[in-house]
């Protein structure tokens, strides 16, 4: 089965993607995916997954992070509503 493809008609976009891929030694697909994730994050105000995992890995000093343990460690009970 053929892989999905993205067709870009902008020569400038193609040239930039190729230049970044060569410079960072990454695939063009990876460059485009990262750019689109970051664009979406800016539009929605959400942190991209790659930035989130990088931040968590740096904070806990390991690439193998137990996210469930971190959630449990930082969980605080809700006080409830004031009546």
PDB file of N, CA and C in Angstrom:
ATOM      1  N   UNK A   1       0.845  -1.177   0.000  1.00  0.00           N
ATOM      2  CA  UNK A   1       0.000   0.000   0.000  1.00  0.00           C
ATOM      3  C   UNK A   1       0.891   1.241   0.000  1.00  0.00           C
ATOM      4  N   UNK A   2       0.562   2.180  -0.832  1.00  0.00           N
ATOM      5  CA  UNK A   2       1.357   3.397  -0.966  1.00  0.00           C
ATOM      6  C   UNK A   2       1.145   4.303   0.240  1.00  0.00           C
ATOM      7  N   UNK A   3       2.200   4.997   0.621  1.00  0.00           N
ATOM      8  CA  UNK A   3       2.128   5.931   1.754  1.00  0.00           C
ATOM      9  C   UNK A   3       1.379   7.191   1.334  1.00  0.00           C
ATOM     10  N   UNK A   4       0.696   7.834   2.272  1.00  0.00           N
ATOM     11  CA  UNK A   4       0.023   9.099   1.955  1.00  0.00           C
ATOM     12  C   UNK A   4       1.032  10.147   1.496  1.00  0.00           C
ATOM     13  N   UNK A   5       0.594  11.013   0.604  1.00  0.00           N
ATOM     14  CA  UNK A   5       1.469  12.051   0.087  1.00  0.00           C
ATOM     15  C   UNK A   5       0.814  13.408   0.239  1.00  0.00           C
ATOM     16  N   UNK A   6       1.668  14.424   0.334  1.00  0.00           N
ATOM     17  CA  UNK A   6       1.207  15.806   0.408  1.00  0.00           C
ATOM     18  C   UNK A   6       1.831  16.547  -0.765  1.00  0.00           C
ATOM     19  N   UNK A   7       1.011  17.161  -1.559  1.00  0.00           N
ATOM     20  CA  UNK A   7       1.502  17.901  -2.709  1.00  0.00           C
ATOM     21  C   UNK A   7       1.506  19.390  -2.381  1.00  0.00           C
ATOM     22  N   UNK A   8       2.661  20.010  -2.566  1.00  0.00           N
ATOM     23  CA  UNK A   8       2.802  21.441  -2.290  1.00  0.00           C
ATOM     24  C   UNK A   8       3.159  22.139  -3.594  1.00  0.00           C
ATOM     25  N   UNK A   9       2.417  23.166  -3.919  1.00  0.00           N
ATOM     26  CA  UNK A   9       2.642  23.871  -5.184  1.00  0.00           C
ATOM     27  C   UNK A   9       3.554  25.080  -5.040  1.00  0.00           C
ATOM     28  N   UNK A  10       3.977  25.365  -3.835  1.00  0.00           N
ATOM     29  CA  UNK A  10       4.820  26.525  -3.599  1.00  0.00           C
ATOM     30  C   UNK A  10       6.295  26.129  -3.703  1.00  0.00           C
ATOM     31  N   UNK A  11       6.980  26.711  -4.674  1.00  0.00           N
ATOM     32  CA  UNK A  11       8.410  26.430  -4.839  1.00  0.00           C
ATOM     33  C   UNK A  11       9.192  26.905  -3.622  1.00  0.00           C
ATOM     34  N   UNK A  12       8.773  28.022  -3.048  1.00  0.00           N
ATOM     35  CA  UNK A  12       9.450  28.560  -1.861  1.00  0.00           C
ATOM     36  C   UNK A  12       9.307  27.594  -0.687  1.00  0.00           C
ATOM     37  N   UNK A  13       8.102  27.049  -0.467  1.00  0.00           N
ATOM     38  CA  UNK A  13       7.884  26.101   0.633  1.00  0.00           C
ATOM     39  C   UNK A  13       8.722  24.842   0.442  1.00  0.00           C
ATOM     40  N   UNK A  14       8.790  24.338  -0.767  1.00  0.00           N
ATOM     41  CA  UNK A  14       9.577  23.138  -1.057  1.00  0.00           C
ATOM     42  C   UNK A  14      11.053  23.407  -0.818  1.00  0.00           C
ATOM     43  N   UNK A  15      11.523  24.566  -1.266  1.00  0.00           N
ATOM     44  CA  UNK A  15      12.947  24.915  -1.093  1.00  0.00           C
ATOM     45  C   UNK A  15      13.287  25.038   0.389  1.00  0.00           C
ATOM     46  N   UNK A  16      12.427  25.669   1.172  1.00  0.00           N
ATOM     47  CA  UNK A  16      12.673  25.824   2.609  1.00  0.00           C
ATOM     48  C   UNK A  16      12.680  24.463   3.292  1.00  0.00           C
ATOM     49  N   UNK A  17      11.708  23.606   2.949  1.00  0.00           N
ATOM     50  CA  UNK A  17      11.641  22.273   3.551  1.00  0.00           C
ATOM     51  C   UNK A  17      12.900  21.465   3.240  1.00  0.00           C
ATOM     52  N   UNK A  18      13.361  21.518   2.000  1.00  0.00           N
ATOM     53  CA  UNK A  18      14.593  20.801   1.621  1.00  0.00           C
ATOM     54  C   UNK A  18      15.798  21.363   2.370  1.00  0.00           C
ATOM     55  N   UNK A  19      15.891  22.687   2.451  1.00  0.00           N
ATOM     56  CA  UNK A  19      17.022  23.315   3.136  1.00  0.00           C
ATOM     57  C   UNK A  19      17.043  22.926   4.615  1.00  0.00           C
ATOM     58  N   UNK A  20      15.887  22.986   5.286  1.00  0.00           N
ATOM     59  CA  UNK A  20      15.827  22.612   6.701  1.00  0.00           C
ATOM     60  C   UNK A  20      16.137  21.133   6.908  1.00  0.00           C
ATOM     61  N   UNK A  21      15.642  20.292   6.025  1.00  0.00           N
ATOM     62  CA  UNK A  21      15.893  18.855   6.136  1.00  0.00           C
ATOM     63  C   UNK A  21      17.387  18.553   6.009  1.00  0.00           C
ATOM     64  N   UNK A  22      18.038  19.198   5.064  1.00  0.00           N
ATOM     65  CA  UNK A  22      19.491  18.996   4.908  1.00  0.00           C
ATOM     66  C   UNK A  22      20.249  19.517   6.128  1.00  0.00           C
ATOM     67  N   UNK A  23      19.888  20.709   6.571  1.00  0.00           N
ATOM     68  CA  UNK A  23      20.588  21.334   7.697  1.00  0.00           C
ATOM     69  C   UNK A  23      20.437  20.525   8.984  1.00  0.00           C
ATOM     70  N   UNK A  24      19.202  20.069   9.270  1.00  0.00           N
ATOM     71  CA  UNK A  24      18.936  19.371  10.530  1.00  0.00           C
ATOM     72  C   UNK A  24      19.074  17.853  10.421  1.00  0.00           C
ATOM     73  N   UNK A  25      19.418  17.371   9.197  1.00  0.00           N
ATOM     74  CA  UNK A  25      19.555  15.932   8.955  1.00  0.00           C
ATOM     75  C   UNK A  25      18.289  15.177   9.369  1.00  0.00           C
ATOM     76  N   UNK A  26      17.139  15.701   8.892  1.00  0.00           N
ATOM     77  CA  UNK A  26      15.829  15.102   9.147  1.00  0.00           C
ATOM     78  C   UNK A  26      15.131  14.909   7.810  1.00  0.00           C
ATOM     79  N   UNK A  27      14.063  14.159   7.826  1.00  0.00           N
ATOM     80  CA  UNK A  27      13.310  13.974   6.589  1.00  0.00           C
ATOM     81  C   UNK A  27      12.417  15.184   6.341  1.00  0.00           C
ATOM     82  N   UNK A  28      12.052  15.357   5.092  1.00  0.00           N
ATOM     83  CA  UNK A  28      11.154  16.449   4.741  1.00  0.00           C
ATOM     84  C   UNK A  28       9.806  16.233   5.426  1.00  0.00           C
ATOM     85  N   UNK A  29       9.356  14.995   5.496  1.00  0.00           N
ATOM     86  CA  UNK A  29       8.088  14.699   6.176  1.00  0.00           C
ATOM     87  C   UNK A  29       8.152  15.137   7.637  1.00  0.00           C
ATOM     88  N   UNK A  30       9.271  14.884   8.297  1.00  0.00           N
ATOM     89  CA  UNK A  30       9.420  15.278   9.696  1.00  0.00           C
ATOM     90  C   UNK A  30       9.408  16.799   9.837  1.00  0.00           C
ATOM     91  N   UNK A  31      10.060  17.486   8.927  1.00  0.00           N
ATOM     92  CA  UNK A  31      10.085  18.953   8.937  1.00  0.00           C
ATOM     93  C   UNK A  31       8.660  19.494   8.790  1.00  0.00           C
ATOM     94  N   UNK A  32       7.913  18.972   7.837  1.00  0.00           N
ATOM     95  CA  UNK A  32       6.548  19.442   7.588  1.00  0.00           C
ATOM     96  C   UNK A  32       5.646  19.115   8.767  1.00  0.00           C
ATOM     97  N   UNK A  33       5.742  17.896   9.319  1.00  0.00           N
ATOM     98  CA  UNK A  33       4.922  17.522  10.468  1.00  0.00           C
ATOM     99  C   UNK A  33       5.190  18.440  11.660  1.00  0.00           C
ATOM    100  N   UNK A  34       6.462  18.704  11.939  1.00  0.00           N
ATOM    101  CA  UNK A  34       6.821  19.570  13.058  1.00  0.00           C
ATOM    102  C   UNK A  34       6.279  20.983  12.850  1.00  0.00           C
ATOM    103  N   UNK A  35       6.437  21.488  11.639  1.00  0.00           N
ATOM    104  CA  UNK A  35       5.947  22.844  11.341  1.00  0.00           C
ATOM    105  C   UNK A  35       4.430  22.928  11.495  1.00  0.00           C
ATOM    106  N   UNK A  36       3.719  21.922  11.031  1.00  0.00           N
ATOM    107  CA  UNK A  36       2.266  21.936  11.148  1.00  0.00           C
ATOM    108  C   UNK A  36       1.809  21.789  12.595  1.00  0.00           C
ATOM    109  N   UNK A  37       2.515  20.941  13.372  1.00  0.00           N
ATOM    110  CA  UNK A  37       2.185  20.801  14.798  1.00  0.00           C
ATOM    111  C   UNK A  37       2.383  22.128  15.529  1.00  0.00           C
ATOM    112  N   UNK A  38       3.489  22.814  15.246  1.00  0.00           N
ATOM    113  CA  UNK A  38       3.757  24.085  15.904  1.00  0.00           C
ATOM    114  C   UNK A  38       2.758  25.158  15.474  1.00  0.00           C
ATOM    115  N   UNK A  39       2.375  25.146  14.209  1.00  0.00           N
ATOM    116  CA  UNK A  39       1.365  26.094  13.728  1.00  0.00           C
ATOM    117  C   UNK A  39       0.037  25.846  14.441  1.00  0.00           C
ATOM    118  N   UNK A  40      -0.360  24.589  14.522  1.00  0.00           N
ATOM    119  CA  UNK A  40      -1.615  24.250  15.208  1.00  0.00           C
ATOM    120  C   UNK A  40      -1.559  24.660  16.678  1.00  0.00           C
ATOM    121  N   UNK A  41      -0.417  24.433  17.316  1.00  0.00           N
ATOM    122  CA  UNK A  41      -0.269  24.788  18.730  1.00  0.00           C
ATOM    123  C   UNK A  41      -0.420  26.294  18.927  1.00  0.00           C
ATOM    124  N   UNK A  42       0.172  27.084  18.050  1.00  0.00           N
ATOM    125  CA  UNK A  42       0.036  28.543  18.154  1.00  0.00           C
ATOM    126  C   UNK A  42      -1.408  28.979  17.956  1.00  0.00           C
ATOM    127  N   UNK A  43      -2.090  28.335  17.020  1.00  0.00           N
ATOM    128  CA  UNK A  43      -3.476  28.708  16.727  1.00  0.00           C
ATOM    129  C   UNK A  43      -4.421  28.340  17.858  1.00  0.00           C
ATOM    130  N   UNK A  44      -4.169  27.216  18.516  1.00  0.00           N
ATOM    131  CA  UNK A  44      -5.078  26.727  19.560  1.00  0.00           C
ATOM    132  C   UNK A  44      -4.590  27.053  20.961  1.00  0.00           C
ATOM    133  N   UNK A  45      -3.347  27.518  21.079  1.00  0.00           N
ATOM    134  CA  UNK A  45      -2.788  27.815  22.390  1.00  0.00           C
ATOM    135  C   UNK A  45      -2.327  26.579  23.145  1.00  0.00           C
ATOM    136  N   UNK A  46      -2.219  25.443  22.444  1.00  0.00           N
ATOM    137  CA  UNK A  46      -1.776  24.204  23.074  1.00  0.00           C
ATOM    138  C   UNK A  46      -0.305  23.970  22.797  1.00  0.00           C
ATOM    139  N   UNK A  47       0.357  23.302  23.732  1.00  0.00           N
ATOM    140  CA  UNK A  47       1.771  22.961  23.586  1.00  0.00           C
ATOM    141  C   UNK A  47       1.900  21.750  22.665  1.00  0.00           C
ATOM    142  N   UNK A  48       2.811  21.805  21.677  1.00  0.00           N
ATOM    143  CA  UNK A  48       3.004  20.639  20.812  1.00  0.00           C
ATOM    144  C   UNK A  48       3.490  19.439  21.628  1.00  0.00           C
ATOM    145  N   UNK A  49       3.107  18.251  21.196  1.00  0.00           N
ATOM    146  CA  UNK A  49       3.490  17.028  21.903  1.00  0.00           C
ATOM    147  C   UNK A  49       5.008  16.900  22.019  1.00  0.00           C
ATOM    148  N   UNK A  50       5.731  17.251  20.957  1.00  0.00           N
ATOM    149  CA  UNK A  50       7.194  17.121  20.993  1.00  0.00           C
ATOM    150  C   UNK A  50       7.797  18.024  22.066  1.00  0.00           C
ATOM    151  N   UNK A  51       7.269  19.242  22.206  1.00  0.00           N
ATOM    152  CA  UNK A  51       7.765  20.159  23.238  1.00  0.00           C
ATOM    153  C   UNK A  51       7.407  19.659  24.629  1.00  0.00           C
ATOM    154  N   UNK A  52       6.190  19.115  24.768  1.00  0.00           N
ATOM    155  CA  UNK A  52       5.752  18.585  26.056  1.00  0.00           C
ATOM    156  C   UNK A  52       6.674  17.463  26.523  1.00  0.00           C
ATOM    157  N   UNK A  53       6.939  16.489  25.636  1.00  0.00           N
ATOM    158  CA  UNK A  53       7.773  15.353  26.033  1.00  0.00           C
ATOM    159  C   UNK A  53       9.212  15.791  26.279  1.00  0.00           C
ATOM    160  N   UNK A  54       9.712  16.755  25.510  1.00  0.00           N
ATOM    161  CA  UNK A  54      11.066  17.268  25.732  1.00  0.00           C
ATOM    162  C   UNK A  54      11.148  17.924  27.111  1.00  0.00           C
ATOM    163  N   UNK A  55      10.141  18.738  27.454  1.00  0.00           N
ATOM    164  CA  UNK A  55      10.111  19.423  28.748  1.00  0.00           C
ATOM    165  C   UNK A  55      10.019  18.423  29.899  1.00  0.00           C
ATOM    166  N   UNK A  56       9.149  17.433  29.771  1.00  0.00           N
ATOM    167  CA  UNK A  56       9.000  16.424  30.823  1.00  0.00           C
ATOM    168  C   UNK A  56      10.288  15.607  30.971  1.00  0.00           C
ATOM    169  N   UNK A  57      10.908  15.224  29.868  1.00  0.00           N
ATOM    170  CA  UNK A  57      12.154  14.458  29.917  1.00  0.00           C
ATOM    171  C   UNK A  57      13.263  15.240  30.604  1.00  0.00           C
ATOM    172  N   UNK A  58      13.365  16.533  30.286  1.00  0.00           N
ATOM    173  CA  UNK A  58      14.384  17.374  30.912  1.00  0.00           C
ATOM    174  C   UNK A  58      14.096  17.567  32.395  1.00  0.00           C
ATOM    175  N   UNK A  59      12.834  17.767  32.724  1.00  0.00           N
ATOM    176  CA  UNK A  59      12.442  18.008  34.116  1.00  0.00           C
ATOM    177  C   UNK A  59      12.718  16.786  34.994  1.00  0.00           C
ATOM    178  N   UNK A  60      12.477  15.587  34.465  1.00  0.00           N
ATOM    179  CA  UNK A  60      12.651  14.372  35.254  1.00  0.00           C
ATOM    180  C   UNK A  60      13.954  13.637  34.936  1.00  0.00           C
ATOM    181  N   UNK A  61      14.760  14.199  34.042  1.00  0.00           N
ATOM    182  CA  UNK A  61      16.095  13.670  33.773  1.00  0.00           C
ATOM    183  C   UNK A  61      16.133  12.312  33.118  1.00  0.00           C
ATOM    184  N   UNK A  62      15.109  11.973  32.337  1.00  0.00           N
ATOM    185  CA  UNK A  62      15.085  10.666  31.697  1.00  0.00           C
ATOM    186  C   UNK A  62      14.177  10.705  30.482  1.00  0.00           C
ATOM    187  N   UNK A  63      14.524   9.912  29.464  1.00  0.00           N
ATOM    188  CA  UNK A  63      13.648   9.788  28.299  1.00  0.00           C
ATOM    189  C   UNK A  63      12.524   8.794  28.568  1.00  0.00           C
ATOM    190  N   UNK A  64      12.723   7.923  29.557  1.00  0.00           N
ATOM    191  CA  UNK A  64      11.727   6.925  29.909  1.00  0.00           C
ATOM    192  C   UNK A  64      10.961   7.419  31.134  1.00  0.00           C
ATOM    193  N   UNK A  65       9.898   8.179  30.885  1.00  0.00           N
ATOM    194  CA  UNK A  65       9.137   8.833  31.950  1.00  0.00           C
ATOM    195  C   UNK A  65       7.811   8.106  32.139  1.00  0.00           C
ATOM    196  N   UNK A  66       7.463   7.818  33.392  1.00  0.00           N
ATOM    197  CA  UNK A  66       6.181   7.196  33.719  1.00  0.00           C
ATOM    198  C   UNK A  66       5.167   8.315  33.944  1.00  0.00           C
ATOM    199  N   UNK A  67       4.418   8.641  32.904  1.00  0.00           N
ATOM    200  CA  UNK A  67       3.479   9.758  32.957  1.00  0.00           C
ATOM    201  C   UNK A  67       2.396   9.530  34.010  1.00  0.00           C
ATOM    202  N   UNK A  68       1.932   8.307  34.152  1.00  0.00           N
ATOM    203  CA  UNK A  68       0.899   8.011  35.159  1.00  0.00           C
ATOM    204  C   UNK A  68       1.414   8.312  36.562  1.00  0.00           C
ATOM    205  N   UNK A  69       2.668   7.964  36.848  1.00  0.00           N
ATOM    206  CA  UNK A  69       3.247   8.247  38.162  1.00  0.00           C
ATOM    207  C   UNK A  69       3.362   9.748  38.401  1.00  0.00           C
ATOM    208  N   UNK A  70       3.721  10.496  37.374  1.00  0.00           N
ATOM    209  CA  UNK A  70       3.824  11.953  37.500  1.00  0.00           C
ATOM    210  C   UNK A  70       2.452  12.556  37.784  1.00  0.00           C
ATOM    211  N   UNK A  71       1.434  12.065  37.097  1.00  0.00           N
ATOM    212  CA  UNK A  71       0.081  12.570  37.319  1.00  0.00           C
ATOM    213  C   UNK A  71      -0.360  12.284  38.746  1.00  0.00           C
ATOM    214  N   UNK A  72      -0.140  11.055  39.212  1.00  0.00           N
ATOM    215  CA  UNK A  72      -0.528  10.694  40.580  1.00  0.00           C
ATOM    216  C   UNK A  72       0.234  11.523  41.611  1.00  0.00           C
ATOM    217  N   UNK A  73       1.502  11.755  41.358  1.00  0.00           N
ATOM    218  CA  UNK A  73       2.354  12.522  42.280  1.00  0.00           C
ATOM    219  C   UNK A  73       1.865  13.970  42.423  1.00  0.00           C
ATOM    220  N   UNK A  74       1.344  14.532  41.346  1.00  0.00           N
ATOM    221  CA  UNK A  74       0.938  15.933  41.354  1.00  0.00           C
ATOM    222  C   UNK A  74      -0.565  16.142  41.506  1.00  0.00           C
ATOM    223  N   UNK A  75      -1.307  15.076  41.683  1.00  0.00           N
ATOM    224  CA  UNK A  75      -2.764  15.175  41.809  1.00  0.00           C
ATOM    225  C   UNK A  75      -3.138  15.722  43.177  1.00  0.00           C
ATOM    226  N   UNK A  76      -4.056  16.665  43.187  1.00  0.00           N
ATOM    227  CA  UNK A  76      -4.550  17.252  44.434  1.00  0.00           C
ATOM    228  C   UNK A  76      -6.069  17.158  44.437  1.00  0.00           C
ATOM    229  N   UNK A  77      -6.666  16.809  45.574  1.00  0.00           N
ATOM    230  CA  UNK A  77      -8.121  16.698  45.603  1.00  0.00           C
ATOM    231  C   UNK A  77      -8.780  18.066  45.445  1.00  0.00           C
ATOM    232  N   UNK A  78      -9.920  18.072  44.797  1.00  0.00           N
ATOM    233  CA  UNK A  78     -10.683  19.296  44.605  1.00  0.00           C
ATOM    234  C   UNK A  78     -11.446  19.592  45.912  1.00  0.00           C
ATOM    235  N   UNK A  79     -11.446  20.845  46.338  1.00  0.00           N
ATOM    236  CA  UNK A  79     -12.096  21.226  47.586  1.00  0.00           C
ATOM    237  C   UNK A  79     -13.615  21.169  47.500  1.00  0.00           C
ATOM    238  N   UNK A  80     -14.131  21.142  46.315  1.00  0.00           N
ATOM    239  CA  UNK A  80     -15.580  21.163  46.157  1.00  0.00           C
ATOM    240  C   UNK A  80     -16.055  22.596  45.947  1.00  0.00           C
ATOM    241  N   UNK A  81     -17.336  22.747  45.782  1.00  0.00           N
ATOM    242  CA  UNK A  81     -17.874  24.077  45.539  1.00  0.00           C
ATOM    243  C   UNK A  81     -18.285  24.733  46.855  1.00  0.00           C
ATOM    244  N   UNK A  82     -18.195  26.050  46.886  1.00  0.00           N
ATOM    245  CA  UNK A  82     -18.668  26.808  48.038  1.00  0.00           C
ATOM    246  C   UNK A  82     -20.168  27.041  47.901  1.00  0.00           C
ATOM    247  N   UNK A  83     -20.905  26.651  48.894  1.00  0.00           N
ATOM    248  CA  UNK A  83     -22.354  26.851  48.855  1.00  0.00           C
ATOM    249  C   UNK A  83     -22.764  28.061  49.664  1.00  0.00           C
TER     250      UNK A  83
END
